Structure formats: C-alpha cells, structure tokens
Amino acid sequence: MKTIKTLMAVACGLAVSGNAFALEPIEADFGADLVSTYIWRGQKLDDAALQPSLTVGCGGLSLNAWGSVGVVQGDYKEFDLALSYEIGGFSVVATDYFCADSNTGYFDYSEDTPHTFELGLSYDFGFMSLSWFSNVLGATGCNGDGDNVMASYFEVAAPFEFGGLDWSAALGASPFENDFYGTSGFGIVNCSLTASKDLTIGSAKLPVFAQIMANPRAERVFFAVGVSF
C-alpha cells in the first residue's frame, strides 16, 4: 500500500506549489449529502448517513476526500481519498477506500489491511458514460477458493430529462467471481434510476434526489432519498 502514500504525497505537493500549473488557478470546494440509506454499487452499506466531501483541484487534476458516518452512533464509517485526472470526456481515478469500525487503525497497511486501493477509467460521451473499476491492492476481494482476486465493476450510465426532473439510469455488473460484490461469476449487481431537482425554500435552492436501486444478483431492492448542502 506504499503506492497510496506516494500518490497522495504527489497530489498534495502539486496542490500547494502551484508552479506546475502556473496557468491554472487552484480551486477548492466542499459540501455534504444527507441520505436516508447509503447504497453503493448495489450494496446497502448503512442506514441514514451524513457524507461530507472536500475537493482541491487544478486544471484537470483533483484530490477529493469523502466520508460517510451513520446518523446512529456505532454505524458504518468510511473515509476515502481519490486522486483523479480528467481531459475531454476521459478520466482516470485512483481511490483509497477505508471502511472499518472506530477500533481499526487507519495506518494499518499489513496483509490484513482494511484499505482497498482501486483504479478506475471512465469516458463520458455526453449522452452516456462507460466506466471500469478494479481493486488492485489491499482488501481486493476473494474467490470461492479463498484466493485474492482483483474484484472489478463496470457500469453504463445515461442522463436524461423527463417530467421536469433530471434523471440518470445506470446498469452495473461484476465480471467474475468475488466476494467483494458477492458474485459467483458474471453478475449484474446494480440497476438504478435516480431523479433529482432543486427544492426551492424561500430564496434558497436545495438539491434533492431520489433513487431506486435493484441488485438482481442478490435479489435486493432499495429506495433512498437525499439532500445536498
């Protein structure tokens, strides 16, 4: 997992120096979502949760810190760091997922580390996007024989407008056996439909969304709502 530390150090160095991107301003932004249920790629990870986000970017390069903490004390906790680069419609991202309880040490990069290091590639055509993600280090997932595998996930998503709302439909699958996504071979794990709009409260507008997600492989269906700040 030393690769993760190296990438994060490089990203921080680029952000503070500004010399490598003299022609591009450094921008920063933060926000938070409050969701009724935390659902990720066809899996329910938590009930109601608060999910803050902080991003620093320069040109097409950005570093994002994202977290999730359950509203009920003792629930699932997550902290992710993602370094990404985007040019045109193409983007590449390296993400360090840390998903554990409060008793687990963050800097544990042993063989049984709670970190998962993922690499992803995406291309946005405008009318649709294609994405592929693979776990490459850490808790990458295992097959039925207990062997470590690079659990992978690919997704096709398409935005559209209907009935005065902004919509997004997505179809995601894991291509081979792994316990990370709970598949015994190729399996569709995410069929989702998300609707969003701005809720007007006085002179303020508050983005809200509703999502229906089904996991055919696990025979599960979820319905969640959320608000962004």
C-alpha atoms as a PDB file:
ATOM      1  CA  MET A   1       0.000   0.000   0.000  1.00  0.00           C
ATOM      2  CA  LYS A   2       3.046   2.299  -0.206  1.00  0.00           C
ATOM      3  CA  THR A   3       1.770   3.303  -3.639  1.00  0.00           C
ATOM      4  CA  ILE A   4      -1.197   5.018  -1.971  1.00  0.00           C
ATOM      5  CA  LYS A   5       1.042   7.128   0.251  1.00  0.00           C
ATOM      6  CA  THR A   6       3.203   8.104  -2.719  1.00  0.00           C
ATOM      7  CA  LEU A   7       0.226   9.193  -4.850  1.00  0.00           C
ATOM      8  CA  MET A   8      -1.253  11.237  -2.022  1.00  0.00           C
ATOM      9  CA  ALA A   9       2.080  12.948  -1.356  1.00  0.00           C
ATOM     10  CA  VAL A  10       2.458  13.843  -5.029  1.00  0.00           C
ATOM     11  CA  ALA A  11      -1.079  15.255  -5.158  1.00  0.00           C
ATOM     12  CA  CYS A  12      -0.538  17.419  -2.085  1.00  0.00           C
ATOM     13  CA  GLY A  13       2.756  18.685  -3.458  1.00  0.00           C
ATOM     14  CA  LEU A  14       1.131  19.730  -6.711  1.00  0.00           C
ATOM     15  CA  ALA A  15      -1.711  21.456  -4.929  1.00  0.00           C
ATOM     16  CA  VAL A  16       0.457  23.617  -2.675  1.00  0.00           C
ATOM     17  CA  SER A  17       3.224  24.535  -5.091  1.00  0.00           C
ATOM     18  CA  GLY A  18       1.144  25.957  -7.944  1.00  0.00           C
ATOM     19  CA  ASN A  19       4.320  26.124 -10.081  1.00  0.00           C
ATOM     20  CA  ALA A  20       3.467  23.040 -12.114  1.00  0.00           C
ATOM     21  CA  PHE A  21       0.129  24.590 -13.060  1.00  0.00           C
ATOM     22  CA  ALA A  22       1.087  28.268 -13.286  1.00  0.00           C
ATOM     23  CA  LEU A  23      -1.552  28.951 -15.923  1.00  0.00           C
ATOM     24  CA  GLU A  24      -4.367  27.257 -13.987  1.00  0.00           C
ATOM     25  CA  PRO A  25      -5.951  28.560 -10.760  1.00  0.00           C
ATOM     26  CA  ILE A  26      -6.216  26.260  -7.765  1.00  0.00           C
ATOM     27  CA  GLU A  27      -9.848  25.752  -6.814  1.00  0.00           C
ATOM     28  CA  ALA A  28     -11.402  24.184  -3.731  1.00  0.00           C
ATOM     29  CA  ASP A  29     -14.924  23.178  -2.814  1.00  0.00           C
ATOM     30  CA  PHE A  30     -16.735  21.319  -0.064  1.00  0.00           C
ATOM     31  CA  GLY A  31     -20.223  20.061   0.643  1.00  0.00           C
ATOM     32  CA  ALA A  32     -22.218  17.284   2.227  1.00  0.00           C
ATOM     33  CA  ASP A  33     -25.080  14.913   1.471  1.00  0.00           C
ATOM     34  CA  LEU A  34     -27.620  13.577   3.942  1.00  0.00           C
ATOM     35  CA  VAL A  35     -29.059  10.259   2.722  1.00  0.00           C
ATOM     36  CA  SER A  36     -31.805   8.041   4.103  1.00  0.00           C
ATOM     37  CA  THR A  37     -29.856   4.916   3.091  1.00  0.00           C
ATOM     38  CA  TYR A  38     -26.244   4.584   1.931  1.00  0.00           C
ATOM     39  CA  ILE A  39     -26.298   2.368  -1.163  1.00  0.00           C
ATOM     40  CA  TRP A  40     -23.174   1.765  -3.270  1.00  0.00           C
ATOM     41  CA  ARG A  41     -22.997  -0.322  -6.459  1.00  0.00           C
ATOM     42  CA  GLY A  42     -25.965  -2.436  -5.499  1.00  0.00           C
ATOM     43  CA  GLN A  43     -24.978  -2.925  -1.869  1.00  0.00           C
ATOM     44  CA  LYS A  44     -26.518  -1.380   1.230  1.00  0.00           C
ATOM     45  CA  LEU A  45     -23.642  -0.194   3.408  1.00  0.00           C
ATOM     46  CA  ASP A  46     -25.533   1.788   6.034  1.00  0.00           C
ATOM     47  CA  ASP A  47     -28.843   3.311   7.041  1.00  0.00           C
ATOM     48  CA  ALA A  48     -29.197   7.106   7.266  1.00  0.00           C
ATOM     49  CA  ALA A  49     -25.792   8.756   6.901  1.00  0.00           C
ATOM     50  CA  LEU A  50     -24.059  12.120   6.621  1.00  0.00           C
ATOM     51  CA  GLN A  51     -21.487  12.232   3.807  1.00  0.00           C
ATOM     52  CA  PRO A  52     -19.106  15.229   3.691  1.00  0.00           C
ATOM     53  CA  SER A  53     -16.789  15.946   0.761  1.00  0.00           C
ATOM     54  CA  LEU A  54     -13.776  18.246   0.222  1.00  0.00           C
ATOM     55  CA  THR A  55     -12.063  18.736  -3.155  1.00  0.00           C
ATOM     56  CA  VAL A  56      -8.942  20.631  -4.255  1.00  0.00           C
ATOM     57  CA  GLY A  57      -8.272  20.839  -7.987  1.00  0.00           C
ATOM     58  CA  CYS A  58      -6.039  22.458 -10.562  1.00  0.00           C
ATOM     59  CA  GLY A  59      -6.721  22.064 -14.266  1.00  0.00           C
ATOM     60  CA  GLY A  60      -7.856  18.505 -14.838  1.00  0.00           C
ATOM     61  CA  LEU A  61      -6.182  17.185 -11.666  1.00  0.00           C
ATOM     62  CA  SER A  62      -8.127  16.950  -8.421  1.00  0.00           C
ATOM     63  CA  LEU A  63      -7.808  15.426  -4.967  1.00  0.00           C
ATOM     64  CA  ASN A  64     -11.007  14.546  -3.139  1.00  0.00           C
ATOM     65  CA  ALA A  65     -11.656  13.484   0.448  1.00  0.00           C
ATOM     66  CA  TRP A  66     -15.044  11.860   1.057  1.00  0.00           C
ATOM     67  CA  GLY A  67     -16.573  10.310   4.132  1.00  0.00           C
ATOM     68  CA  SER A  68     -19.693   8.643   5.439  1.00  0.00           C
ATOM     69  CA  VAL A  69     -20.796   8.320   9.036  1.00  0.00           C
ATOM     70  CA  GLY A  70     -24.025   6.802  10.256  1.00  0.00           C
ATOM     71  CA  VAL A  71     -26.529   9.088  11.962  1.00  0.00           C
ATOM     72  CA  VAL A  72     -26.923   6.408  14.650  1.00  0.00           C
ATOM     73  CA  GLN A  73     -23.760   6.118  16.756  1.00  0.00           C
ATOM     74  CA  GLY A  74     -21.762   2.974  16.063  1.00  0.00           C
ATOM     75  CA  ASP A  75     -22.934   2.611  12.479  1.00  0.00           C
ATOM     76  CA  TYR A  76     -20.724   2.030   9.466  1.00  0.00           C
ATOM     77  CA  LYS A  77     -17.910   4.567   8.910  1.00  0.00           C
ATOM     78  CA  GLU A  78     -15.950   5.257   5.731  1.00  0.00           C
ATOM     79  CA  PHE A  79     -13.168   7.616   4.649  1.00  0.00           C
ATOM     80  CA  ASP A  80     -11.977   7.720   1.024  1.00  0.00           C
ATOM     81  CA  LEU A  81      -9.213   9.617  -0.768  1.00  0.00           C
ATOM     82  CA  ALA A  82      -9.357   9.886  -4.567  1.00  0.00           C
ATOM     83  CA  LEU A  83      -6.800  11.347  -6.971  1.00  0.00           C
ATOM     84  CA  SER A  84      -8.222  11.896 -10.457  1.00  0.00           C
ATOM     85  CA  TYR A  85      -7.331  13.452 -13.780  1.00  0.00           C
ATOM     86  CA  GLU A  86      -9.806  14.427 -16.486  1.00  0.00           C
ATOM     87  CA  ILE A  87      -9.203  15.569 -20.042  1.00  0.00           C
ATOM     88  CA  GLY A  88     -12.038  15.906 -22.501  1.00  0.00           C
ATOM     89  CA  GLY A  89     -14.506  13.161 -21.683  1.00  0.00           C
ATOM     90  CA  PHE A  90     -11.810  10.779 -20.412  1.00  0.00           C
ATOM     91  CA  SER A  91     -10.952  10.421 -16.734  1.00  0.00           C
ATOM     92  CA  VAL A  92      -8.733   8.178 -14.626  1.00  0.00           C
ATOM     93  CA  VAL A  93      -9.025   7.880 -10.858  1.00  0.00           C
ATOM     94  CA  ALA A  94      -7.092   6.157  -8.067  1.00  0.00           C
ATOM     95  CA  THR A  95      -9.110   5.698  -4.872  1.00  0.00           C
ATOM     96  CA  ASP A  96      -8.143   4.553  -1.394  1.00  0.00           C
ATOM     97  CA  TYR A  97     -11.243   3.216   0.400  1.00  0.00           C
ATOM     98  CA  PHE A  98     -11.089   2.863   4.178  1.00  0.00           C
ATOM     99  CA  CYS A  99     -14.158   1.115   5.545  1.00  0.00           C
ATOM    100  CA  ALA A 100     -13.962  -0.020   9.150  1.00  0.00           C
ATOM    101  CA  ASP A 101     -15.218   0.495  12.679  1.00  0.00           C
ATOM    102  CA  SER A 102     -13.744   3.027  15.086  1.00  0.00           C
ATOM    103  CA  ASN A 103     -11.405   0.435  16.641  1.00  0.00           C
ATOM    104  CA  THR A 104      -9.490  -0.208  13.412  1.00  0.00           C
ATOM    105  CA  GLY A 105      -6.228   1.688  12.877  1.00  0.00           C
ATOM    106  CA  TYR A 106      -6.190   3.827   9.737  1.00  0.00           C
ATOM    107  CA  PHE A 107      -2.463   3.345   9.083  1.00  0.00           C
ATOM    108  CA  ASP A 108      -2.687  -0.448   9.069  1.00  0.00           C
ATOM    109  CA  TYR A 109      -1.188  -1.454   5.712  1.00  0.00           C
ATOM    110  CA  SER A 110      -0.445  -5.044   6.716  1.00  0.00           C
ATOM    111  CA  GLU A 111      -1.624  -8.096   4.806  1.00  0.00           C
ATOM    112  CA  ASP A 112      -4.997  -7.785   6.551  1.00  0.00           C
ATOM    113  CA  THR A 113      -5.349  -4.057   5.863  1.00  0.00           C
ATOM    114  CA  PRO A 114      -8.858  -2.556   5.910  1.00  0.00           C
ATOM    115  CA  HIS A 115      -7.902  -0.374   2.925  1.00  0.00           C
ATOM    116  CA  THR A 116      -8.904  -1.133  -0.649  1.00  0.00           C
ATOM    117  CA  PHE A 117      -6.991   0.593  -3.446  1.00  0.00           C
ATOM    118  CA  GLU A 118      -8.952   0.885  -6.689  1.00  0.00           C
ATOM    119  CA  LEU A 119      -8.103   2.138 -10.169  1.00  0.00           C
ATOM    120  CA  GLY A 120     -10.847   3.351 -12.498  1.00  0.00           C
ATOM    121  CA  LEU A 121     -11.247   4.525 -16.084  1.00  0.00           C
ATOM    122  CA  SER A 122     -14.257   6.381 -17.476  1.00  0.00           C
ATOM    123  CA  TYR A 123     -15.321   8.053 -20.676  1.00  0.00           C
ATOM    124  CA  ASP A 124     -18.279  10.408 -20.927  1.00  0.00           C
ATOM    125  CA  PHE A 125     -19.832  10.636 -24.392  1.00  0.00           C
ATOM    126  CA  GLY A 126     -22.408  13.169 -23.183  1.00  0.00           C
ATOM    127  CA  PHE A 127     -25.456  11.022 -23.876  1.00  0.00           C
ATOM    128  CA  MET A 128     -23.909   8.115 -21.906  1.00  0.00           C
ATOM    129  CA  SER A 129     -20.808   7.181 -19.939  1.00  0.00           C
ATOM    130  CA  LEU A 130     -18.774   3.975 -19.604  1.00  0.00           C
ATOM    131  CA  SER A 131     -16.724   3.144 -16.503  1.00  0.00           C
ATOM    132  CA  TRP A 132     -14.467   0.306 -15.317  1.00  0.00           C
ATOM    133  CA  PHE A 133     -13.067  -0.090 -11.785  1.00  0.00           C
ATOM    134  CA  SER A 134     -10.707  -2.754 -10.407  1.00  0.00           C
ATOM    135  CA  ASN A 135      -9.317  -3.358  -6.916  1.00  0.00           C
ATOM    136  CA  VAL A 136      -5.546  -3.616  -7.219  1.00  0.00           C
ATOM    137  CA  LEU A 137      -4.149  -3.519  -3.654  1.00  0.00           C
ATOM    138  CA  GLY A 138      -5.269  -4.209  -0.104  1.00  0.00           C
ATOM    139  CA  ALA A 139      -8.612  -5.902   0.511  1.00  0.00           C
ATOM    140  CA  THR A 140      -9.204  -6.688  -3.146  1.00  0.00           C
ATOM    141  CA  GLY A 141     -11.752  -9.497  -2.665  1.00  0.00           C
ATOM    142  CA  CYS A 142     -11.510 -13.301  -2.813  1.00  0.00           C
ATOM    143  CA  ASN A 143     -12.957 -16.074  -4.957  1.00  0.00           C
ATOM    144  CA  GLY A 144     -14.581 -19.276  -3.726  1.00  0.00           C
ATOM    145  CA  ASP A 145     -11.170 -20.896  -3.154  1.00  0.00           C
ATOM    146  CA  GLY A 146     -10.067 -18.056  -0.903  1.00  0.00           C
ATOM    147  CA  ASP A 147      -7.606 -16.664  -3.434  1.00  0.00           C
ATOM    148  CA  ASN A 148      -7.236 -12.895  -3.688  1.00  0.00           C
ATOM    149  CA  VAL A 149      -8.683 -11.504  -6.904  1.00  0.00           C
ATOM    150  CA  MET A 150      -8.895  -8.023  -8.344  1.00  0.00           C
ATOM    151  CA  ALA A 151     -12.653  -7.646  -7.921  1.00  0.00           C
ATOM    152  CA  SER A 152     -13.936  -5.439 -10.751  1.00  0.00           C
ATOM    153  CA  TYR A 153     -17.042  -3.481 -11.620  1.00  0.00           C
ATOM    154  CA  PHE A 154     -18.157  -1.850 -14.850  1.00  0.00           C
ATOM    155  CA  GLU A 155     -21.083   0.460 -15.447  1.00  0.00           C
ATOM    156  CA  VAL A 156     -23.056   2.088 -18.230  1.00  0.00           C
ATOM    157  CA  ALA A 157     -24.956   5.244 -17.266  1.00  0.00           C
ATOM    158  CA  ALA A 158     -27.153   7.646 -19.225  1.00  0.00           C
ATOM    159  CA  PRO A 159     -28.607  11.026 -18.162  1.00  0.00           C
ATOM    160  CA  PHE A 160     -31.912  12.333 -19.476  1.00  0.00           C
ATOM    161  CA  GLU A 161     -34.682  14.787 -18.686  1.00  0.00           C
ATOM    162  CA  PHE A 162     -38.302  13.816 -18.101  1.00  0.00           C
ATOM    163  CA  GLY A 163     -41.276  15.455 -16.425  1.00  0.00           C
ATOM    164  CA  GLY A 164     -39.283  18.482 -15.339  1.00  0.00           C
ATOM    165  CA  LEU A 165     -36.698  16.387 -13.469  1.00  0.00           C
ATOM    166  CA  ASP A 166     -33.104  15.415 -14.188  1.00  0.00           C
ATOM    167  CA  TRP A 167     -32.716  11.634 -14.385  1.00  0.00           C
ATOM    168  CA  SER A 168     -29.880   9.131 -14.583  1.00  0.00           C
ATOM    169  CA  ALA A 169     -30.197   5.423 -15.390  1.00  0.00           C
ATOM    170  CA  ALA A 170     -27.318   3.034 -14.684  1.00  0.00           C
ATOM    171  CA  LEU A 171     -26.546  -0.641 -15.210  1.00  0.00           C
ATOM    172  CA  GLY A 172     -23.543  -2.139 -13.402  1.00  0.00           C
ATOM    173  CA  ALA A 173     -22.025  -5.613 -13.225  1.00  0.00           C
ATOM    174  CA  SER A 174     -19.089  -7.538 -11.799  1.00  0.00           C
ATOM    175  CA  PRO A 175     -17.497  -9.771 -14.474  1.00  0.00           C
ATOM    176  CA  PHE A 176     -16.170 -12.674 -12.409  1.00  0.00           C
ATOM    177  CA  GLU A 177     -16.418 -14.486  -9.084  1.00  0.00           C
ATOM    178  CA  ASN A 178     -15.553 -12.460  -5.990  1.00  0.00           C
ATOM    179  CA  ASP A 179     -16.925 -11.839  -2.505  1.00  0.00           C
ATOM    180  CA  PHE A 180     -16.433  -8.075  -2.788  1.00  0.00           C
ATOM    181  CA  TYR A 181     -19.576  -7.758  -4.931  1.00  0.00           C
ATOM    182  CA  GLY A 182     -20.994 -11.158  -3.992  1.00  0.00           C
ATOM    183  CA  THR A 183     -20.863 -12.766  -7.450  1.00  0.00           C
ATOM    184  CA  SER A 184     -20.103 -16.383  -8.385  1.00  0.00           C
ATOM    185  CA  GLY A 185     -19.319 -15.379 -11.982  1.00  0.00           C
ATOM    186  CA  PHE A 186     -20.585 -12.628 -14.216  1.00  0.00           C
ATOM    187  CA  GLY A 187     -23.388 -10.904 -12.346  1.00  0.00           C
ATOM    188  CA  ILE A 188     -25.476  -7.759 -12.698  1.00  0.00           C
ATOM    189  CA  VAL A 189     -25.375  -6.077  -9.295  1.00  0.00           C
ATOM    190  CA  ASN A 190     -26.766  -2.606  -9.956  1.00  0.00           C
ATOM    191  CA  CYS A 191     -29.809  -1.401 -11.863  1.00  0.00           C
ATOM    192  CA  SER A 192     -30.577   2.110 -10.693  1.00  0.00           C
ATOM    193  CA  LEU A 193     -32.769   5.057 -11.576  1.00  0.00           C
ATOM    194  CA  THR A 194     -32.096   8.435  -9.958  1.00  0.00           C
ATOM    195  CA  ALA A 195     -34.230  11.588 -10.173  1.00  0.00           C
ATOM    196  CA  SER A 196     -33.050  14.973  -8.927  1.00  0.00           C
ATOM    197  CA  LYS A 197     -34.273  18.556  -8.735  1.00  0.00           C
ATOM    198  CA  ASP A 198     -33.715  21.810  -6.842  1.00  0.00           C
ATOM    199  CA  LEU A 199     -36.148  22.310  -3.977  1.00  0.00           C
ATOM    200  CA  THR A 200     -36.924  26.000  -3.543  1.00  0.00           C
ATOM    201  CA  ILE A 201     -37.156  27.211   0.060  1.00  0.00           C
ATOM    202  CA  GLY A 202     -37.678  30.953   0.119  1.00  0.00           C
ATOM    203  CA  SER A 203     -34.837  32.428  -1.924  1.00  0.00           C
ATOM    204  CA  ALA A 204     -32.649  29.343  -1.495  1.00  0.00           C
ATOM    205  CA  LYS A 205     -32.439  26.261  -3.684  1.00  0.00           C
ATOM    206  CA  LEU A 206     -31.646  22.890  -2.147  1.00  0.00           C
ATOM    207  CA  PRO A 207     -30.680  19.977  -4.433  1.00  0.00           C
ATOM    208  CA  VAL A 208     -32.639  16.818  -3.562  1.00  0.00           C
ATOM    209  CA  PHE A 209     -32.692  13.376  -5.160  1.00  0.00           C
ATOM    210  CA  ALA A 210     -34.484  10.036  -5.003  1.00  0.00           C
ATOM    211  CA  GLN A 211     -33.006   6.728  -6.126  1.00  0.00           C
ATOM    212  CA  ILE A 212     -34.399   3.273  -6.785  1.00  0.00           C
ATOM    213  CA  MET A 213     -31.707   0.609  -7.000  1.00  0.00           C
ATOM    214  CA  ALA A 214     -32.035  -3.122  -7.606  1.00  0.00           C
ATOM    215  CA  ASN A 215     -29.374  -5.812  -7.257  1.00  0.00           C
ATOM    216  CA  PRO A 216     -30.596  -8.787  -9.342  1.00  0.00           C
ATOM    217  CA  ARG A 217     -27.699 -10.980  -8.194  1.00  0.00           C
ATOM    218  CA  ALA A 218     -28.577 -10.563  -4.516  1.00  0.00           C
ATOM    219  CA  GLU A 219     -32.331 -10.203  -5.171  1.00  0.00           C
ATOM    220  CA  ARG A 220     -32.404  -6.911  -3.269  1.00  0.00           C
ATOM    221  CA  VAL A 221     -34.237  -3.646  -3.959  1.00  0.00           C
ATOM    222  CA  PHE A 222     -33.564  -0.290  -2.280  1.00  0.00           C
ATOM    223  CA  PHE A 223     -35.226   3.111  -2.295  1.00  0.00           C
ATOM    224  CA  ALA A 224     -33.380   6.117  -0.918  1.00  0.00           C
ATOM    225  CA  VAL A 225     -33.693   9.891  -0.826  1.00  0.00           C
ATOM    226  CA  GLY A 226     -31.078  12.512  -0.123  1.00  0.00           C
ATOM    227  CA  VAL A 227     -30.335  16.210   0.064  1.00  0.00           C
ATOM    228  CA  SER A 228     -27.129  18.063  -0.818  1.00  0.00           C
ATOM    229  CA  PHE A 229     -25.706  21.067   1.017  1.00  0.00           C
END
